[in-house]
Amino acid sequence: MTWLITGLGGTLGPILKARLEGRGMTVVGWDRAAHPPDNPDAVRCFVEESSPEVIAHLALGDPAWAEELARLARERGCVMLYTSSVSVFGGRQRGPFESRDRPEPDSDYGRYKLQCEEAILAANPGARVARIGWQIGMRPGGNHLVDFLAREMAAKGRIEASRRWFQACSFLEDTADALIALAGAGAGGVYHLDGNPGLSFFKIVMGLNLLLQAGWVIHPSDTPDLDNRLRDGRISVRPITARLDPAA
């Protein structure tokens, strides 16, 4: 099976590629220089050349690119998979969020992700849109939670972690595995992928500190008071407690 993936230079893309190749699948990465996303003819040409069974759109880019990929996937009868974000829900909303809940984004990023979702599903109702939370890598470097925490510690000498914040999150490998499962099963629509069974941000940071032997100085706080978790019983994500000790 061939997967055409945009965003292989990002955080999740390389992990998804490795998980797919470990299963014997072929991965083709999008080449923006050779096939500009703002050129519909070039987009169509690359999709036809690649002849994928799955198009996984992980990259940032104009919503028109996402819409064109979704349309081509529908025409060719292949799976369209898009990674959206919990950021489509605004700060005034409180989770855990179900896939049927109406997003009310209050950030440019959240509005952008929602615009892409809507464009994709309008062009291809069979597309799978996967909303994901904060991703967790195992070492600093990259746009993920551990990198953020390491930078906080370096800049401030401590990490403030709220006991009242329940954040959607999962380890990168577990998100990749869930995306592979989603591409192979299920109908079109919006799905929520979240590995947090109910740990506060404070508990997550404490658990990561122990797991990684990072030596962070962690101060508990009560702000922000948020619940950003995502719920969906159709696709399971390995819980973060499989790696983290919730008693840490």
Foldseek 3Di string as FASTA:
>chain_A
DEEEEEDCVADLNVLLCVVQVVVVYHYHYDDCVQQPLVDLVSLLVVCVVRVGQEYEYEDDDQLVSLLSVLLSCVVSVHEYEYEAALQQADPVDADQDEQPDDGDHDDPRNVRRVSSVVSNCVNHVQYEYEYAWFEDELDADHRGDRVVQVVCCVVPVAAEFEQQEATFYDYSNQVSVLRVVVSVDDGGDYHYAGQAPGGGRQLVVVQSCVLNVVPHHYDYDNPPRHHSHYDDPPTYTHHPCVRGPSVD
